[in-house]
Amino acid sequence: MRSLRLAPVFVAMVTAAASCTSILGDFSSGSGGGTDAGSNAEGGDSGGMTDGPQMGDTTNPGDTGGGDSPQGTDSGDAGGGDGGGGIVSCAIVTSEQRAVTAGDGGTFAADKLYVYNTSQTNVLALIKTSNVPSLAFQFRSDRPGDAPNIVPLEGPGGSPATLAASTRTVGNDATYVFGNDNQGNQLLWNWPDSMNINGNFTSAMEGFNYQATTMQATTAGVFYASAMNNGPTDGGLGGMGVYVDFPSAPPAQLPNVNSNDVISPTVDTGLGDGARIYRLSDDSISLLYYGSDLTLHQAHFAQNSTTPSSDRQYYTKPMQPVSWQPDGPGQVDVVAAVPVNEAGTEYTLATGVVPESQLFSFDPSTALQPISFGSPITTQPCLTSFPGKVIALVPDLMGMDLYVIDIATHKVTYSLTGSMTLLNSDTSIVTCALGNASFVGNQLNFELIWTDNIGNGQQTLNYAPLKCTTQ
């Protein structure tokens, strides 16, 4: 059996019926738009870059990647036009900045962050932690002095649970949260925006070992794709691989896979990273996953079907899909991270606009063009997209660099770097998540959360609104 090693950041993938980790670790990515009209309206899901386990080495969880921060383009300078409605300035609203975990003694080691704006002033933040249980925070953005509502994710009898995936409803009025507890239960929380979050899960079942999951709500169901190493046995594969389910909703239901629902024998543990899933305008689903040949494949699923209507090899080289965003009638903005050095420790973003009718036939190697940042990215970014644009935040030694990218022209059109960086002088940032864009006149508002390292591997959670002004 062969091993394929892609060095630190672009992590190792291993052969069929074994483990396959995400190429670039765990990007935080959220899609813009308030109604999820065809979009993957996820909040940020940020984590660290890792070098995943190698063939025959199941005990090594991976080495932390990263390195020196990029310098980027001209500091604080608008690099050009932005299609008429271009961003001309961005800044943190310092009066609403807060340490979310201040005062309650709560610290954690965050693997992933999600953030959603659930009303004009309410914010929901989810943290997947290394030390269970995972945590949910609900707070008012306009009341930085108020204590947050903190809910630990727990299963039956208070068994600690780990956050696996999350998605917003198509109507953008509720959040679905999927997790696993340490008793082997799969759990689903359904939190309407009109109510306070609580620890009451809507359903639970004892089932298989869901190692990684991505999920997407549609108008009539919730699609799940999960990597398992002990799923339903099928054809001698021993229950290892990627399984899918597409139960109907409402109400939202847990996945209930069987032996016919496996689409790959590769245990793709990077399924929850970046943006592997996208809802098309007809409510069908595009899923990117690693096949038995250890390359990225794309499958198309009709509403509530677990049998792909089409399946193709999507890309043969290292790539991390990080954003899919509807952009006007019949168009999709696509963003991916690709390496720029052989070692895989430096990378850039590549963008392109693809007709939805060609989403299952376009060639990513030609349709997606790389962005020039001046210097390659070497640390873990978080980003969000809205029609025609993507905003990327890159933690560095000074704070967080900000880049606004025009997807069609593949250019940085506005940036804050160097001495003008966001959160200037905050040198302890570990990871971040950036929520979806909301539009008020000529202003774009984003929810931003990040963690600071306070020593011994422990972190605290911080929040601030990011506001950008357009022409």
Foldseek 3Di string as FASTA:
>chain_A
DDWAAQFWQQATQDFFLEAGEAGRAFAFEAAFDQQQLFFQGWWTWDAFTFHDDIVPGPPDGTDTFFDAFDFFDDAFDQADDQPQFFFNDKAFPVVLWAQQCPPVPDWFQFGTKGWADQDPFKIWIWTFGPDFDTKIWIDGSVCRPDHTDIETAADPPRFTKGWAEKGAASRSFWIWTWIAGPVQKIFIQIGGSVDDDYRDTPDIDRFFDFLHWYWGHFPWWIKIKTAGSQQADDPPSNRGAIFIFTDTDDVYDDGDTHRVRGDASYRYNHQRHADQWIQGNQRKIWGWTQHSVRAIKIFIGDHRDSDGPDIDRQDRARKAWHTWYDAPPQKIKTKIWDADDSNRQFIFMWIAIDGNVCPNPDHCVPRTGTADRVGTGRTHWHWYYYHQWIWIWHQHQFGTKIFIAGRHVRYTRGIHGDCRHHPGRQRFWDMKIKRHWDDDPQKTKIKIKTWGDPDPSITTIMITIMMTGTD
